[in-house]
N, C-alpha and C. Protein backbone atom coordinates (compact mmCIF):
# COMPACT_ATOMS: atom_id res chain seq x y z
N MET A 1 93.54 72.60 171.11
CA MET A 1 93.98 73.87 170.09
C MET A 1 92.65 74.24 169.44
N MET A 2 92.57 75.49 169.27
CA MET A 2 91.50 76.03 168.57
C MET A 2 91.83 75.88 167.11
N ASP A 3 90.99 75.54 166.35
CA ASP A 3 91.20 75.33 164.74
C ASP A 3 91.27 76.62 164.24
N LYS A 4 91.87 76.84 163.06
CA LYS A 4 91.93 78.09 162.33
C LYS A 4 90.44 78.60 161.94
N LYS A 5 90.07 79.66 161.87
CA LYS A 5 88.79 80.30 161.71
C LYS A 5 88.57 80.17 160.18
N TYR A 6 87.40 80.24 159.59
CA TYR A 6 87.09 80.34 158.38
C TYR A 6 86.74 81.54 157.82
N LEU A 7 87.25 81.98 156.70
CA LEU A 7 86.88 83.44 156.12
C LEU A 7 86.29 82.96 154.83
N ILE A 8 85.06 83.56 154.50
CA ILE A 8 84.33 83.43 153.43
C ILE A 8 84.53 84.64 152.44
N ALA A 9 85.35 84.67 151.41
CA ALA A 9 85.40 85.97 150.71
C ALA A 9 84.59 85.77 149.32
N LEU A 10 83.65 86.94 149.40
CA LEU A 10 82.53 86.88 148.16
C LEU A 10 83.08 88.10 147.36
N GLY A 11 83.14 87.77 146.01
CA GLY A 11 83.50 88.70 144.98
C GLY A 11 82.21 88.81 144.03
N ALA A 12 81.72 90.27 143.87
CA ALA A 12 80.59 90.23 142.96
C ALA A 12 80.68 91.53 142.38
N SER A 13 80.27 91.59 141.07
CA SER A 13 80.03 92.92 140.20
C SER A 13 78.67 93.01 139.62
N ALA A 14 78.56 93.33 138.37
CA ALA A 14 77.07 93.42 137.81
C ALA A 14 76.23 92.43 138.19
N GLY A 15 74.95 92.76 138.52
CA GLY A 15 74.13 91.69 138.91
C GLY A 15 74.33 90.97 140.23
N GLY A 16 75.34 91.53 140.82
CA GLY A 16 75.81 90.81 142.18
C GLY A 16 74.81 91.07 143.42
N LEU A 17 74.14 92.20 143.26
CA LEU A 17 73.31 92.78 144.55
C LEU A 17 72.31 91.70 144.77
N HIS A 18 71.70 91.06 143.83
CA HIS A 18 70.47 89.88 143.95
C HIS A 18 71.21 88.86 144.32
N ALA A 19 72.36 88.34 144.00
CA ALA A 19 72.98 87.36 144.39
C ALA A 19 73.56 87.18 145.82
N LEU A 20 73.97 88.34 146.23
CA LEU A 20 74.47 88.62 147.55
C LEU A 20 73.30 88.68 148.60
N SER A 21 72.10 89.33 148.10
CA SER A 21 71.01 89.09 148.89
C SER A 21 70.38 87.75 149.11
N GLU A 22 70.42 87.06 148.12
CA GLU A 22 69.94 85.55 148.14
C GLU A 22 70.80 84.89 149.11
N PHE A 23 72.17 84.88 148.97
CA PHE A 23 73.20 84.17 149.86
C PHE A 23 72.87 84.52 151.13
N PHE A 24 72.68 85.81 151.51
CA PHE A 24 72.51 86.14 152.97
C PHE A 24 71.28 85.88 153.64
N ASP A 25 70.15 85.90 152.63
CA ASP A 25 68.86 85.27 153.29
C ASP A 25 69.18 83.85 153.62
N ASN A 26 70.04 83.05 153.37
CA ASN A 26 70.29 81.65 153.79
C ASN A 26 71.40 81.37 154.67
N THR A 27 72.24 82.35 155.19
CA THR A 27 73.13 82.06 156.07
C THR A 27 72.84 82.06 157.56
N LEU A 28 73.41 81.37 158.51
CA LEU A 28 73.30 81.50 159.83
C LEU A 28 74.52 81.87 160.40
N PRO A 29 74.22 82.18 161.74
CA PRO A 29 75.42 82.55 162.68
C PRO A 29 76.08 81.19 162.98
N ASP A 30 77.51 80.96 162.21
CA ASP A 30 78.04 79.88 162.42
C ASP A 30 79.75 79.87 162.64
N ALA A 31 79.89 81.21 163.34
CA ALA A 31 81.40 81.31 163.78
C ALA A 31 82.20 81.53 162.69
N VAL A 32 81.82 81.81 161.54
CA VAL A 32 82.66 82.25 160.17
C VAL A 32 82.73 83.72 160.01
N SER A 33 83.34 84.25 159.31
CA SER A 33 83.51 85.60 158.72
C SER A 33 83.15 85.76 157.41
N TYR A 34 82.73 86.86 157.04
CA TYR A 34 82.49 87.02 155.57
C TYR A 34 83.11 88.49 155.14
N VAL A 35 83.62 88.43 154.08
CA VAL A 35 84.13 89.82 153.45
C VAL A 35 83.68 89.73 152.16
N ILE A 36 82.99 91.12 151.68
CA ILE A 36 82.41 91.18 150.49
C ILE A 36 83.21 92.29 149.60
N THR A 37 83.87 91.83 148.52
CA THR A 37 84.59 92.68 147.70
C THR A 37 83.71 93.01 146.26
N THR A 38 83.43 93.95 146.04
CA THR A 38 82.63 94.37 144.79
C THR A 38 83.05 95.56 143.89
N HIS A 39 82.58 95.80 142.70
CA HIS A 39 82.96 96.71 141.93
C HIS A 39 81.90 97.96 142.26
N LEU A 40 82.31 99.07 142.94
CA LEU A 40 81.64 100.04 143.25
C LEU A 40 81.98 101.34 142.54
N TYR A 41 80.92 102.25 142.16
CA TYR A 41 81.18 103.41 141.59
C TYR A 41 82.09 104.15 142.46
N PRO A 42 83.26 105.01 142.15
CA PRO A 42 83.97 105.38 142.93
C PRO A 42 83.69 106.67 143.73
N HIS A 43 82.59 107.47 143.06
CA HIS A 43 82.10 108.67 143.63
C HIS A 43 80.91 108.66 144.20
N GLN A 44 80.35 107.54 144.14
CA GLN A 44 78.98 107.50 144.65
C GLN A 44 78.97 106.59 145.99
N LYS A 45 78.29 107.16 147.15
CA LYS A 45 78.24 106.47 148.46
C LYS A 45 77.57 105.14 148.26
N SER A 46 78.19 104.18 148.78
CA SER A 46 77.85 102.76 148.81
C SER A 46 76.81 102.65 149.80
N THR A 47 75.60 102.04 149.52
CA THR A 47 74.57 101.62 150.44
C THR A 47 74.49 100.11 150.59
N LEU A 48 75.71 99.37 150.05
CA LEU A 48 75.56 97.86 150.25
C LEU A 48 75.66 97.43 151.66
N THR A 49 76.16 98.09 152.48
CA THR A 49 76.28 97.65 153.95
C THR A 49 74.52 97.59 154.61
N GLU A 50 73.86 98.59 154.23
CA GLU A 50 72.42 98.75 154.70
C GLU A 50 71.67 97.57 154.04
N ILE A 51 71.84 97.46 152.74
CA ILE A 51 71.02 96.35 151.84
C ILE A 51 71.44 95.07 152.66
N ILE A 52 72.65 94.72 152.66
CA ILE A 52 72.96 93.47 153.22
C ILE A 52 72.34 93.24 154.51
N GLN A 53 72.33 94.23 155.27
CA GLN A 53 71.81 94.06 156.75
C GLN A 53 70.44 93.66 156.73
N LYS A 54 69.56 93.83 155.72
CA LYS A 54 68.26 93.78 155.59
C LYS A 54 68.02 92.21 155.42
N HIS A 55 69.16 91.59 154.85
CA HIS A 55 69.03 90.25 154.46
C HIS A 55 69.72 89.17 155.26
N SER A 56 70.19 89.81 156.52
CA SER A 56 71.18 88.69 157.43
C SER A 56 70.80 89.38 158.85
N SER A 57 70.74 88.11 159.83
CA SER A 57 70.67 88.48 161.12
C SER A 57 72.10 88.71 161.84
N LEU A 58 73.13 88.49 161.02
CA LEU A 58 74.49 88.71 161.40
C LEU A 58 74.88 90.32 161.46
N GLN A 59 75.86 90.87 161.89
CA GLN A 59 76.05 92.05 162.01
C GLN A 59 76.77 92.30 160.66
N VAL A 60 76.35 93.50 159.88
CA VAL A 60 77.09 93.89 158.88
C VAL A 60 77.92 95.28 159.00
N CYS A 61 79.14 95.43 158.72
CA CYS A 61 79.61 96.73 158.82
C CYS A 61 80.68 97.06 157.70
N GLU A 62 80.71 98.32 157.40
CA GLU A 62 81.55 98.67 156.22
C GLU A 62 83.09 98.64 156.91
N VAL A 63 84.04 98.16 155.93
CA VAL A 63 85.32 98.23 156.44
C VAL A 63 86.03 99.38 156.58
N GLU A 64 86.71 99.49 157.83
CA GLU A 64 87.58 100.78 158.03
C GLU A 64 89.00 100.18 158.11
N ASN A 65 89.98 101.16 157.83
CA ASN A 65 91.33 100.66 157.66
C ASN A 65 92.00 99.92 158.90
N ASP A 66 92.53 98.82 158.77
CA ASP A 66 93.34 97.97 159.72
C ASP A 66 92.24 97.54 160.72
N MET A 67 91.03 97.08 159.97
CA MET A 67 90.09 96.38 160.83
C MET A 67 90.39 94.93 160.99
N GLN A 68 90.24 94.43 162.38
CA GLN A 68 90.46 93.05 162.67
C GLN A 68 89.20 92.45 162.37
N ILE A 69 89.32 91.23 161.70
CA ILE A 69 88.10 90.29 161.33
C ILE A 69 87.72 89.53 162.58
N GLN A 70 86.48 89.47 162.91
CA GLN A 70 85.74 88.79 164.04
C GLN A 70 84.90 87.82 163.50
N PRO A 71 84.47 86.65 164.09
CA PRO A 71 83.60 85.77 163.53
C PRO A 71 82.10 86.35 163.72
N ASN A 72 81.37 85.74 162.74
CA ASN A 72 79.75 86.17 162.83
C ASN A 72 79.60 87.69 162.27
N ILE A 73 80.69 88.25 161.57
CA ILE A 73 80.49 89.43 160.98
C ILE A 73 80.63 89.49 159.56
N ILE A 74 79.92 90.40 158.71
CA ILE A 74 79.92 90.47 157.39
C ILE A 74 80.64 91.90 157.15
N TYR A 75 81.74 91.80 156.47
CA TYR A 75 82.43 93.33 156.11
C TYR A 75 82.42 93.55 154.77
N VAL A 76 82.09 94.73 154.54
CA VAL A 76 81.80 95.27 153.24
C VAL A 76 82.89 96.35 152.92
N MET A 77 83.37 95.96 151.67
CA MET A 77 84.48 97.07 151.31
C MET A 77 83.85 98.31 150.84
N PRO A 78 84.27 99.48 151.29
CA PRO A 78 83.69 100.71 150.84
C PRO A 78 84.11 101.10 149.38
N GLU A 79 83.43 102.09 148.96
CA GLU A 79 83.69 102.78 147.52
C GLU A 79 84.99 103.42 147.60
N ASN A 80 85.69 103.42 146.44
CA ASN A 80 86.74 104.38 146.27
C ASN A 80 88.08 103.86 146.87
N LYS A 81 87.99 102.48 147.08
CA LYS A 81 89.10 101.76 148.01
C LYS A 81 89.59 100.56 147.30
N VAL A 82 90.72 100.14 147.53
CA VAL A 82 91.25 98.86 147.18
C VAL A 82 91.45 98.14 148.56
N MET A 83 91.07 96.91 148.78
CA MET A 83 91.31 96.13 150.07
C MET A 83 92.16 95.04 150.00
N SER A 84 93.02 94.88 150.82
CA SER A 84 93.69 93.57 151.12
C SER A 84 93.61 93.12 152.51
N ILE A 85 94.30 91.98 152.76
CA ILE A 85 94.26 91.31 154.12
C ILE A 85 95.84 91.20 154.44
N ILE A 86 96.09 91.52 155.63
CA ILE A 86 97.68 91.27 156.15
C ILE A 86 97.46 90.85 157.64
N ASN A 87 97.65 89.69 158.18
CA ASN A 87 97.72 89.11 159.39
C ASN A 87 96.32 89.19 160.16
N GLY A 88 95.26 88.90 159.17
CA GLY A 88 93.93 88.91 159.72
C GLY A 88 93.25 90.24 159.74
N ASN A 89 93.98 91.33 159.41
CA ASN A 89 93.40 92.54 159.36
C ASN A 89 93.23 93.21 157.89
N LEU A 90 92.09 93.76 157.82
CA LEU A 90 91.67 94.38 156.49
C LEU A 90 92.33 95.79 156.43
N ILE A 91 93.08 96.00 155.14
CA ILE A 91 93.84 97.00 154.87
C ILE A 91 93.16 97.83 153.73
N LEU A 92 93.03 99.10 153.87
CA LEU A 92 92.23 99.82 152.72
C LEU A 92 93.47 100.86 152.28
N THR A 93 93.39 101.03 150.84
CA THR A 93 94.36 101.92 150.32
C THR A 93 93.30 102.56 149.25
N GLN A 94 93.81 103.71 148.81
CA GLN A 94 92.95 104.76 147.82
C GLN A 94 93.04 104.05 146.51
N ARG A 95 92.06 103.85 145.72
CA ARG A 95 91.89 103.14 144.43
C ARG A 95 92.47 104.27 143.54
N ASP A 96 93.49 103.62 142.56
CA ASP A 96 93.97 104.42 141.65
C ASP A 96 92.66 104.64 140.41
N LEU A 97 92.18 105.78 140.35
CA LEU A 97 91.21 105.84 139.27
C LEU A 97 91.69 106.07 137.90
N SER A 98 92.84 106.04 137.71
CA SER A 98 93.41 106.23 136.39
C SER A 98 93.40 104.85 135.78
N ILE A 99 93.44 103.79 136.66
CA ILE A 99 93.35 102.25 136.02
C ILE A 99 91.82 102.00 135.74
N LYS A 100 91.48 101.96 134.68
CA LYS A 100 90.06 101.69 134.29
C LYS A 100 89.41 100.37 134.64
N VAL A 101 90.32 99.53 134.41
CA VAL A 101 89.78 98.05 134.79
C VAL A 101 89.79 97.77 136.20
N ASN A 102 88.72 97.65 136.91
CA ASN A 102 88.68 97.37 138.34
C ASN A 102 88.95 95.88 138.60
N MET A 103 90.06 95.52 139.24
CA MET A 103 90.43 94.15 139.58
C MET A 103 90.49 94.08 141.18
N ALA A 104 89.42 94.76 141.81
CA ALA A 104 89.25 94.84 143.13
C ALA A 104 89.30 93.26 143.80
N ILE A 105 88.61 92.69 143.14
CA ILE A 105 88.27 91.14 143.57
C ILE A 105 89.64 90.34 143.64
N ASP A 106 90.19 90.36 142.61
CA ASP A 106 91.63 89.82 142.50
C ASP A 106 92.69 90.32 143.62
N ILE A 107 92.52 91.63 143.73
CA ILE A 107 93.74 92.30 144.63
C ILE A 107 93.41 91.61 146.07
N PHE A 108 92.06 91.61 146.45
CA PHE A 108 91.86 91.07 147.85
C PHE A 108 91.98 89.56 147.86
N PHE A 109 91.50 88.63 146.78
CA PHE A 109 91.65 87.51 146.94
C PHE A 109 93.31 86.93 146.92
N SER A 110 94.01 87.63 146.07
CA SER A 110 95.41 87.28 146.14
C SER A 110 96.03 87.71 147.45
N SER A 111 95.73 88.61 147.99
CA SER A 111 96.23 88.78 149.45
C SER A 111 95.74 87.85 150.49
N LEU A 112 94.39 87.57 150.28
CA LEU A 112 93.81 86.31 151.05
C LEU A 112 94.69 85.04 150.89
N ALA A 113 95.01 84.70 149.78
CA ALA A 113 95.73 83.41 149.40
C ALA A 113 97.01 83.23 150.24
N LYS A 114 97.70 84.40 150.41
CA LYS A 114 98.95 84.59 151.20
C LYS A 114 98.63 84.67 152.79
N ASP A 115 97.48 84.91 152.97
CA ASP A 115 97.35 85.18 154.57
C ASP A 115 97.22 83.68 155.27
N THR A 116 97.89 83.48 156.43
CA THR A 116 97.90 82.29 157.23
C THR A 116 96.83 82.26 158.31
N MET A 117 96.08 83.30 158.51
CA MET A 117 95.38 83.33 159.88
C MET A 117 93.90 82.45 159.58
N PHE A 118 93.56 82.33 158.38
CA PHE A 118 92.20 81.86 158.07
C PHE A 118 92.36 80.63 157.09
N LYS A 119 91.22 79.81 157.24
CA LYS A 119 90.93 78.83 156.07
C LYS A 119 90.01 79.52 155.36
N LYS A 120 90.30 79.34 153.98
CA LYS A 120 89.73 80.07 152.96
C LYS A 120 88.64 79.51 152.19
N ILE A 121 87.54 80.22 151.95
CA ILE A 121 86.46 79.80 150.97
C ILE A 121 86.19 81.05 150.04
N ALA A 122 86.33 80.80 148.85
CA ALA A 122 86.14 82.13 147.91
C ALA A 122 84.97 81.83 147.16
N VAL A 123 84.14 82.68 146.98
CA VAL A 123 82.81 82.73 146.20
C VAL A 123 82.70 83.83 145.11
N ILE A 124 82.57 83.37 143.89
CA ILE A 124 82.48 84.28 142.83
C ILE A 124 81.22 84.37 142.18
N LEU A 125 80.40 85.70 142.43
CA LEU A 125 79.01 85.67 142.00
C LEU A 125 79.00 86.42 140.67
N SER A 126 77.85 86.81 140.32
CA SER A 126 77.66 87.46 139.06
C SER A 126 78.37 88.70 138.87
N GLY A 127 78.95 88.82 137.70
CA GLY A 127 79.67 89.91 137.29
C GLY A 127 80.15 89.95 135.81
N MET A 128 80.53 91.06 135.33
CA MET A 128 81.23 90.95 133.93
C MET A 128 82.71 91.07 134.03
N GLY A 129 83.24 90.44 133.13
CA GLY A 129 84.64 90.38 132.88
C GLY A 129 85.36 89.17 133.69
N LYS A 130 86.65 89.17 134.02
CA LYS A 130 87.22 88.20 134.55
C LYS A 130 87.98 88.39 135.89
N ASP A 131 87.58 89.35 136.56
CA ASP A 131 88.16 89.77 137.89
C ASP A 131 87.71 88.73 138.94
N GLY A 132 88.55 88.31 139.62
CA GLY A 132 88.49 87.15 140.64
C GLY A 132 89.25 85.75 140.13
N THR A 133 89.19 85.48 138.91
CA THR A 133 89.85 84.23 138.50
C THR A 133 91.30 84.27 138.71
N LYS A 134 92.11 84.99 138.74
CA LYS A 134 93.49 85.04 139.24
C LYS A 134 93.47 84.77 140.54
N GLY A 135 92.82 85.53 141.57
CA GLY A 135 92.74 85.49 142.86
C GLY A 135 92.20 83.99 143.44
N VAL A 136 91.30 83.59 142.61
CA VAL A 136 90.78 82.28 142.98
C VAL A 136 91.68 81.07 142.92
N LYS A 137 92.52 81.20 141.53
CA LYS A 137 93.46 80.23 141.40
C LYS A 137 94.52 80.23 142.22
N MET A 138 95.08 81.46 143.00
CA MET A 138 95.87 81.39 144.28
C MET A 138 95.42 80.90 145.56
N ILE A 139 93.98 81.17 145.79
CA ILE A 139 93.38 80.69 146.81
C ILE A 139 93.13 79.18 146.78
N ALA A 140 92.86 78.72 145.63
CA ALA A 140 92.77 77.03 145.22
C ALA A 140 94.14 76.49 145.59
N GLU A 141 95.25 77.08 145.20
CA GLU A 141 96.48 76.58 145.32
C GLU A 141 97.15 76.56 146.73
N ALA A 142 96.50 77.68 147.35
CA ALA A 142 96.81 77.59 148.76
C ALA A 142 95.95 76.70 149.74
N GLY A 143 95.02 75.84 149.08
CA GLY A 143 94.33 74.75 149.80
C GLY A 143 92.98 75.42 150.02
N GLY A 144 92.27 76.58 149.50
CA GLY A 144 91.17 77.12 149.74
C GLY A 144 90.06 76.37 148.95
N TYR A 145 88.77 76.72 149.31
CA TYR A 145 87.68 75.95 148.69
C TYR A 145 86.92 77.11 147.76
N VAL A 146 86.52 76.65 146.65
CA VAL A 146 85.97 77.74 145.72
C VAL A 146 84.56 77.25 145.06
N ILE A 147 83.74 78.40 145.26
CA ILE A 147 82.43 78.00 144.83
C ILE A 147 82.23 79.28 143.82
N ALA A 148 81.70 78.90 142.58
CA ALA A 148 81.11 79.68 141.55
C ALA A 148 79.90 79.69 141.43
N GLN A 149 79.09 80.77 140.95
CA GLN A 149 77.65 80.82 140.81
C GLN A 149 77.54 80.20 139.64
N SER A 150 76.26 79.54 139.54
CA SER A 150 75.81 78.91 138.33
C SER A 150 75.49 79.91 137.39
N LEU A 151 75.93 79.59 135.92
CA LEU A 151 75.51 80.59 135.03
C LEU A 151 74.12 81.20 134.91
N LEU A 152 73.31 80.04 135.01
CA LEU A 152 71.70 80.26 134.74
C LEU A 152 71.11 81.15 135.59
N SER A 153 71.91 81.13 137.05
CA SER A 153 71.18 81.97 138.17
C SER A 153 72.02 83.39 138.17
N ALA A 154 72.94 83.62 137.22
CA ALA A 154 73.69 84.91 137.44
C ALA A 154 73.14 85.86 136.46
N GLY A 155 73.01 87.28 136.97
CA GLY A 155 72.46 88.31 136.11
C GLY A 155 73.50 88.44 134.96
N GLU A 156 74.91 88.57 135.33
CA GLU A 156 75.93 88.71 134.36
C GLU A 156 76.83 87.45 134.50
N ASP A 157 77.03 86.58 133.65
CA ASP A 157 77.74 85.39 134.04
C ASP A 157 79.18 85.17 133.32
N SER A 158 79.88 86.42 133.07
CA SER A 158 81.18 86.30 132.55
C SER A 158 82.25 85.96 133.52
N MET A 159 81.99 86.58 134.81
CA MET A 159 82.96 86.56 136.02
C MET A 159 82.89 85.00 136.61
N PRO A 160 81.65 84.51 136.79
CA PRO A 160 81.64 83.11 137.35
C PRO A 160 82.16 82.02 136.13
N GLU A 161 81.84 82.32 134.86
CA GLU A 161 82.09 81.42 133.78
C GLU A 161 83.61 81.48 133.72
N SER A 162 84.44 82.51 133.73
CA SER A 162 85.88 82.65 133.78
C SER A 162 86.37 81.64 134.96
N VAL A 163 85.89 81.64 136.05
CA VAL A 163 86.48 80.97 137.14
C VAL A 163 86.22 79.28 136.98
N ILE A 164 84.71 78.98 136.23
CA ILE A 164 84.47 77.64 135.82
C ILE A 164 85.36 77.13 134.94
N ILE A 165 85.72 77.85 133.88
CA ILE A 165 86.70 77.44 132.78
C ILE A 165 87.94 77.31 133.27
N SER A 166 88.25 78.15 134.43
CA SER A 166 89.67 77.88 134.93
C SER A 166 89.88 76.55 135.52
N GLY A 167 88.80 75.76 135.88
CA GLY A 167 88.91 74.46 136.51
C GLY A 167 89.02 74.55 138.05
N CYS A 168 89.10 75.71 138.68
CA CYS A 168 89.36 75.83 140.15
C CYS A 168 88.21 75.66 140.81
N ALA A 169 86.75 75.77 140.28
CA ALA A 169 85.65 75.83 140.93
C ALA A 169 85.48 74.41 141.57
N ASN A 170 85.38 74.29 143.03
CA ASN A 170 84.90 73.09 143.69
C ASN A 170 83.44 72.69 143.42
N GLU A 171 82.78 73.79 143.49
CA GLU A 171 81.24 73.56 143.15
C GLU A 171 80.66 74.63 142.69
N ILE A 172 79.55 74.58 141.77
CA ILE A 172 78.97 75.59 140.92
C ILE A 172 77.51 75.56 141.38
N LEU A 173 76.98 76.60 142.01
CA LEU A 173 75.73 76.59 142.75
C LEU A 173 75.08 77.87 142.43
N SER A 174 73.74 77.92 142.88
CA SER A 174 72.93 79.44 142.90
C SER A 174 73.17 79.77 144.19
N PRO A 175 73.11 81.24 144.32
CA PRO A 175 73.46 81.86 145.72
C PRO A 175 72.67 81.22 146.94
N LYS A 176 71.42 80.75 146.79
CA LYS A 176 70.68 80.23 147.77
C LYS A 176 71.20 78.79 148.41
N GLN A 177 71.95 78.12 147.50
CA GLN A 177 72.51 76.83 147.83
C GLN A 177 73.78 76.98 148.46
N MET A 178 74.56 78.05 148.24
CA MET A 178 75.82 78.07 148.83
C MET A 178 76.20 78.06 150.35
N PRO A 179 75.21 78.76 151.10
CA PRO A 179 75.62 78.52 152.45
C PRO A 179 75.38 77.10 153.10
N GLN A 180 74.50 76.39 152.64
CA GLN A 180 74.57 74.87 152.94
C GLN A 180 75.71 74.22 152.59
N ALA A 181 76.19 74.50 151.36
CA ALA A 181 77.28 73.88 150.89
C ALA A 181 78.66 74.42 151.71
N ILE A 182 78.68 75.61 152.13
CA ILE A 182 79.83 75.93 153.11
C ILE A 182 79.75 75.29 154.42
N ILE A 183 78.44 75.15 154.94
CA ILE A 183 78.39 74.48 156.22
C ILE A 183 78.88 73.15 156.11
N ASP A 184 78.54 72.47 155.01
CA ASP A 184 78.78 71.00 154.92
C ASP A 184 80.36 70.83 154.54
N TYR A 185 81.06 71.87 153.94
CA TYR A 185 82.47 71.83 153.80
C TYR A 185 83.15 72.07 155.00
N VAL A 186 82.71 73.09 155.96
CA VAL A 186 83.20 73.30 157.10
C VAL A 186 83.10 71.95 157.95
N GLY A 187 82.01 71.46 157.84
CA GLY A 187 81.81 70.36 158.85
C GLY A 187 82.71 69.08 158.41
N ARG A 188 82.91 68.88 157.04
CA ARG A 188 83.83 67.76 156.49
C ARG A 188 85.18 68.14 156.93
N SER A 189 85.72 69.33 156.91
CA SER A 189 86.88 69.82 157.20
C SER A 189 87.28 69.67 158.67
N SER A 190 86.40 70.12 159.30
CA SER A 190 86.65 69.92 160.89
C SER A 190 86.61 68.60 161.53
N SER A 191 85.83 67.54 160.71
CA SER A 191 85.77 66.42 161.19
C SER A 191 87.17 65.59 160.70
N LYS A 192 87.78 66.08 159.72
CA LYS A 192 89.05 65.52 159.23
C LYS A 192 90.28 65.73 160.27
N ASN A 193 90.08 67.23 160.78
CA ASN A 193 91.09 67.47 161.71
C ASN A 193 91.01 67.11 163.14
N ASN A 194 89.76 66.26 163.38
CA ASN A 194 89.63 65.77 164.77
C ASN A 194 90.19 64.30 164.92
């Protein structure tokens, strides 16, 4: 029987571009999927997909509504949207711009915690505020693995710090250390299941 696939959900905000670039400089094609949720300016076309592609040998694509997640692909949330996951498909809805505090990471992570299609790894990178902490708690409670960026390596440390304070982080690492930690975790989990 095929094991469940792994989905690595990355949340980033201010200072997150450098962290994402460093993370994907060190990733390998290893049959997992990546979904990036960030705080993007609603009226400015995002170039994040193109930027990440320069740092990865994996295919990088901007999410379209009802897109099915495949292995060895990096999915990037587009601007002006809120993203969730239902039955392994990425669902986009229009962002309500009257809500000033952007909680896009919590929204996606919370939906991922309820999804039963994937084993979950949540990564919180550089950013301001506390977005991601609520979602990370739900993912941890659902048996997921949580990695927070080390505060010294973060351009803005309040988002990872909030996760660390919550007690949900299984590991606290710099972005370049994270891919190896994920490989090690997947290896440990797979050997437990065999």
